[in-house]
Amino acid sequence: MRAKLLNLFKVSAVACTAVAFNTGATSADLGLMVSRGVNAGSCSEIVLVCENGRQYPLCPIAVSVAGELVTASLYTAPHRATYVRLVPMGVGYRYAGKGIWFDGLRENALLNFGDRSSVACTVSQS
């Protein structure tokens, strides 16, 4: 019992130290930011405006404490949404789902429909 308590204390101390001294990438490099007042399911804030003339709304499902979009629904047709999730990367962001993903840095993104088709997009935030 005493050894378990001591191990728990050590693990929590290391975790707190790691969080306190984290000097990694800024939140703007990790994912898309969402305004504080946005509710889950609101599809009007983030839209991918692409060179093929189409617009793809991105509806937040989960947002981190820092305000980063973690999971969302990407609408490729009026009633057809694909679940996408933030994938950790060194620089920029990637949101990936089944058969679709987009990579980006700030407002520039590349939307990929599988291995054979991709289109350049601009992330529009209102």
C-alpha atoms as a PDB file:
ATOM      1  CA  MET A   1       0.000   0.000   0.000  1.00  0.00           C
ATOM      2  CA  ARG A   2       2.770   2.384   0.955  1.00  0.00           C
ATOM      3  CA  ALA A   3       4.728   1.624  -2.249  1.00  0.00           C
ATOM      4  CA  LYS A   4       1.636   2.206  -4.404  1.00  0.00           C
ATOM      5  CA  LEU A   5       1.019   5.557  -2.733  1.00  0.00           C
ATOM      6  CA  LEU A   6       4.648   6.569  -3.264  1.00  0.00           C
ATOM      7  CA  ASN A   7       4.485   5.560  -6.961  1.00  0.00           C
ATOM      8  CA  LEU A   8       1.280   7.551  -7.394  1.00  0.00           C
ATOM      9  CA  PHE A   9       2.983  10.581  -5.865  1.00  0.00           C
ATOM     10  CA  LYS A  10       5.988  10.214  -8.194  1.00  0.00           C
ATOM     11  CA  VAL A  11       3.823   9.885 -11.299  1.00  0.00           C
ATOM     12  CA  SER A  12       1.735  12.926 -10.395  1.00  0.00           C
ATOM     13  CA  ALA A  13       4.859  14.985  -9.640  1.00  0.00           C
ATOM     14  CA  VAL A  14       6.394  14.108 -13.023  1.00  0.00           C
ATOM     15  CA  ALA A  15       3.126  14.884 -14.823  1.00  0.00           C
ATOM     16  CA  CYS A  16       2.787  18.263 -13.106  1.00  0.00           C
ATOM     17  CA  THR A  17       6.392  19.130 -13.938  1.00  0.00           C
ATOM     18  CA  ALA A  18       5.903  18.177 -17.590  1.00  0.00           C
ATOM     19  CA  VAL A  19       2.794  20.339 -17.846  1.00  0.00           C
ATOM     20  CA  ALA A  20       4.445  23.277 -16.071  1.00  0.00           C
ATOM     21  CA  PHE A  21       7.529  23.329 -18.286  1.00  0.00           C
ATOM     22  CA  ASN A  22       5.888  22.501 -21.609  1.00  0.00           C
ATOM     23  CA  THR A  23       7.395  24.826 -24.227  1.00  0.00           C
ATOM     24  CA  GLY A  24       6.120  23.040 -27.343  1.00  0.00           C
ATOM     25  CA  ALA A  25       4.360  24.483 -30.346  1.00  0.00           C
ATOM     26  CA  THR A  26       1.878  27.281 -29.936  1.00  0.00           C
ATOM     27  CA  SER A  27      -1.807  26.444 -30.092  1.00  0.00           C
ATOM     28  CA  ALA A  28      -2.137  28.190 -33.461  1.00  0.00           C
ATOM     29  CA  ASP A  29       0.178  25.567 -34.950  1.00  0.00           C
ATOM     30  CA  LEU A  30      -1.667  22.600 -33.481  1.00  0.00           C
ATOM     31  CA  GLY A  31      -5.188  22.945 -34.850  1.00  0.00           C
ATOM     32  CA  LEU A  32      -8.013  25.211 -35.903  1.00  0.00           C
ATOM     33  CA  MET A  33      -9.141  27.649 -33.228  1.00  0.00           C
ATOM     34  CA  VAL A  34     -12.810  28.070 -32.338  1.00  0.00           C
ATOM     35  CA  SER A  35     -14.389  31.152 -30.773  1.00  0.00           C
ATOM     36  CA  ARG A  36     -15.381  30.867 -27.124  1.00  0.00           C
ATOM     37  CA  GLY A  37     -19.125  31.241 -27.670  1.00  0.00           C
ATOM     38  CA  VAL A  38     -19.491  28.501 -30.273  1.00  0.00           C
ATOM     39  CA  ASN A  39     -21.720  25.558 -29.382  1.00  0.00           C
ATOM     40  CA  ALA A  40     -21.092  22.015 -30.513  1.00  0.00           C
ATOM     41  CA  GLY A  41     -22.891  21.380 -33.792  1.00  0.00           C
ATOM     42  CA  SER A  42     -22.677  25.000 -34.979  1.00  0.00           C
ATOM     43  CA  CYS A  43     -21.756  24.777 -38.664  1.00  0.00           C
ATOM     44  CA  SER A  44     -21.524  28.435 -39.568  1.00  0.00           C
ATOM     45  CA  GLU A  45     -18.168  29.384 -38.039  1.00  0.00           C
ATOM     46  CA  ILE A  46     -15.577  27.308 -39.949  1.00  0.00           C
ATOM     47  CA  VAL A  47     -15.959  26.659 -43.686  1.00  0.00           C
ATOM     48  CA  LEU A  48     -13.443  25.263 -46.170  1.00  0.00           C
ATOM     49  CA  VAL A  49     -13.760  27.394 -49.321  1.00  0.00           C
ATOM     50  CA  CYS A  50     -12.091  25.379 -52.078  1.00  0.00           C
ATOM     51  CA  GLU A  51     -10.783  26.047 -55.578  1.00  0.00           C
ATOM     52  CA  ASN A  52     -13.358  23.667 -57.072  1.00  0.00           C
ATOM     53  CA  GLY A  53     -16.020  26.276 -56.229  1.00  0.00           C
ATOM     54  CA  ARG A  54     -17.516  24.322 -53.336  1.00  0.00           C
ATOM     55  CA  GLN A  55     -17.751  25.130 -49.659  1.00  0.00           C
ATOM     56  CA  TYR A  56     -17.420  22.457 -46.995  1.00  0.00           C
ATOM     57  CA  PRO A  57     -18.755  23.405 -43.525  1.00  0.00           C
ATOM     58  CA  LEU A  58     -16.896  22.033 -40.518  1.00  0.00           C
ATOM     59  CA  CYS A  59     -19.190  21.514 -37.506  1.00  0.00           C
ATOM     60  CA  PRO A  60     -17.404  21.285 -34.128  1.00  0.00           C
ATOM     61  CA  ILE A  61     -18.133  18.277 -31.924  1.00  0.00           C
ATOM     62  CA  ALA A  62     -15.408  18.667 -29.299  1.00  0.00           C
ATOM     63  CA  VAL A  63     -13.227  21.664 -28.482  1.00  0.00           C
ATOM     64  CA  SER A  64     -10.187  21.618 -26.181  1.00  0.00           C
ATOM     65  CA  VAL A  65      -9.801  23.881 -23.157  1.00  0.00           C
ATOM     66  CA  ALA A  66      -7.407  26.033 -25.211  1.00  0.00           C
ATOM     67  CA  GLY A  67     -10.119  26.523 -27.864  1.00  0.00           C
ATOM     68  CA  GLU A  68      -8.740  24.148 -30.503  1.00  0.00           C
ATOM     69  CA  LEU A  69     -11.093  22.087 -32.618  1.00  0.00           C
ATOM     70  CA  VAL A  70     -10.504  18.429 -31.689  1.00  0.00           C
ATOM     71  CA  THR A  71     -13.310  16.570 -33.479  1.00  0.00           C
ATOM     72  CA  ALA A  72     -15.821  17.745 -36.051  1.00  0.00           C
ATOM     73  CA  SER A  73     -18.193  16.757 -38.825  1.00  0.00           C
ATOM     74  CA  LEU A  74     -17.055  17.745 -42.306  1.00  0.00           C
ATOM     75  CA  TYR A  75     -20.016  18.132 -44.655  1.00  0.00           C
ATOM     76  CA  THR A  76     -19.180  17.119 -48.241  1.00  0.00           C
ATOM     77  CA  ALA A  77     -22.842  17.168 -49.327  1.00  0.00           C
ATOM     78  CA  PRO A  78     -25.983  18.704 -47.740  1.00  0.00           C
ATOM     79  CA  HIS A  79     -26.846  15.646 -45.609  1.00  0.00           C
ATOM     80  CA  ARG A  80     -23.550  13.776 -45.767  1.00  0.00           C
ATOM     81  CA  ALA A  81     -21.071  14.376 -42.965  1.00  0.00           C
ATOM     82  CA  THR A  82     -17.775  12.651 -42.252  1.00  0.00           C
ATOM     83  CA  TYR A  83     -16.399  12.486 -38.723  1.00  0.00           C
ATOM     84  CA  VAL A  84     -12.879  13.983 -38.609  1.00  0.00           C
ATOM     85  CA  ARG A  85     -10.396  14.164 -35.755  1.00  0.00           C
ATOM     86  CA  LEU A  86      -7.271  16.234 -35.126  1.00  0.00           C
ATOM     87  CA  VAL A  87      -4.107  14.213 -35.730  1.00  0.00           C
ATOM     88  CA  PRO A  88      -0.983  15.514 -33.943  1.00  0.00           C
ATOM     89  CA  MET A  89       1.685  16.819 -36.328  1.00  0.00           C
ATOM     90  CA  GLY A  90       4.923  18.739 -35.887  1.00  0.00           C
ATOM     91  CA  VAL A  91       3.891  21.850 -37.813  1.00  0.00           C
ATOM     92  CA  GLY A  92       0.387  22.664 -38.987  1.00  0.00           C
ATOM     93  CA  TYR A  93      -2.646  20.469 -38.502  1.00  0.00           C
ATOM     94  CA  ARG A  94      -4.342  17.423 -39.985  1.00  0.00           C
ATOM     95  CA  TYR A  95      -7.968  16.438 -39.548  1.00  0.00           C
ATOM     96  CA  ALA A  96      -8.594  12.898 -40.750  1.00  0.00           C
ATOM     97  CA  GLY A  97     -11.687  10.777 -41.206  1.00  0.00           C
ATOM     98  CA  LYS A  98     -12.716   7.699 -43.141  1.00  0.00           C
ATOM     99  CA  GLY A  99     -11.473   8.225 -46.704  1.00  0.00           C
ATOM    100  CA  ILE A 100     -10.995  11.983 -46.308  1.00  0.00           C
ATOM    101  CA  TRP A 101      -8.518  14.290 -44.608  1.00  0.00           C
ATOM    102  CA  PHE A 102      -7.200  17.817 -44.818  1.00  0.00           C
ATOM    103  CA  ASP A 103      -3.795  19.219 -43.938  1.00  0.00           C
ATOM    104  CA  GLY A 104      -3.141  22.851 -43.315  1.00  0.00           C
ATOM    105  CA  LEU A 105      -1.175  25.679 -41.826  1.00  0.00           C
ATOM    106  CA  ARG A 106      -3.208  28.621 -40.572  1.00  0.00           C
ATOM    107  CA  GLU A 107      -5.805  29.524 -43.261  1.00  0.00           C
ATOM    108  CA  ASN A 108      -4.351  27.378 -46.086  1.00  0.00           C
ATOM    109  CA  ALA A 109      -5.447  23.755 -46.372  1.00  0.00           C
ATOM    110  CA  LEU A 110      -5.370  20.865 -48.821  1.00  0.00           C
ATOM    111  CA  LEU A 111      -8.509  18.698 -48.789  1.00  0.00           C
ATOM    112  CA  ASN A 112      -7.841  15.088 -49.850  1.00  0.00           C
ATOM    113  CA  PHE A 113     -10.579  12.736 -51.041  1.00  0.00           C
ATOM    114  CA  GLY A 114      -8.671   9.468 -50.761  1.00  0.00           C
ATOM    115  CA  ASP A 115      -5.395   8.913 -52.587  1.00  0.00           C
ATOM    116  CA  ARG A 116      -6.524  10.118 -56.016  1.00  0.00           C
ATOM    117  CA  SER A 117      -8.175  13.495 -55.587  1.00  0.00           C
ATOM    118  CA  SER A 118      -7.269  16.660 -53.694  1.00  0.00           C
ATOM    119  CA  VAL A 119      -8.199  20.325 -53.839  1.00  0.00           C
ATOM    120  CA  ALA A 120      -6.636  23.465 -52.347  1.00  0.00           C
ATOM    121  CA  CYS A 121      -8.837  25.323 -49.875  1.00  0.00           C
ATOM    122  CA  THR A 122      -8.895  28.386 -47.668  1.00  0.00           C
ATOM    123  CA  VAL A 123     -10.211  28.081 -44.121  1.00  0.00           C
ATOM    124  CA  SER A 124     -12.815  30.805 -43.613  1.00  0.00           C
ATOM    125  CA  GLN A 125     -13.687  31.637 -39.990  1.00  0.00           C
ATOM    126  CA  SER A 126     -16.501  34.028 -39.169  1.00  0.00           C
END
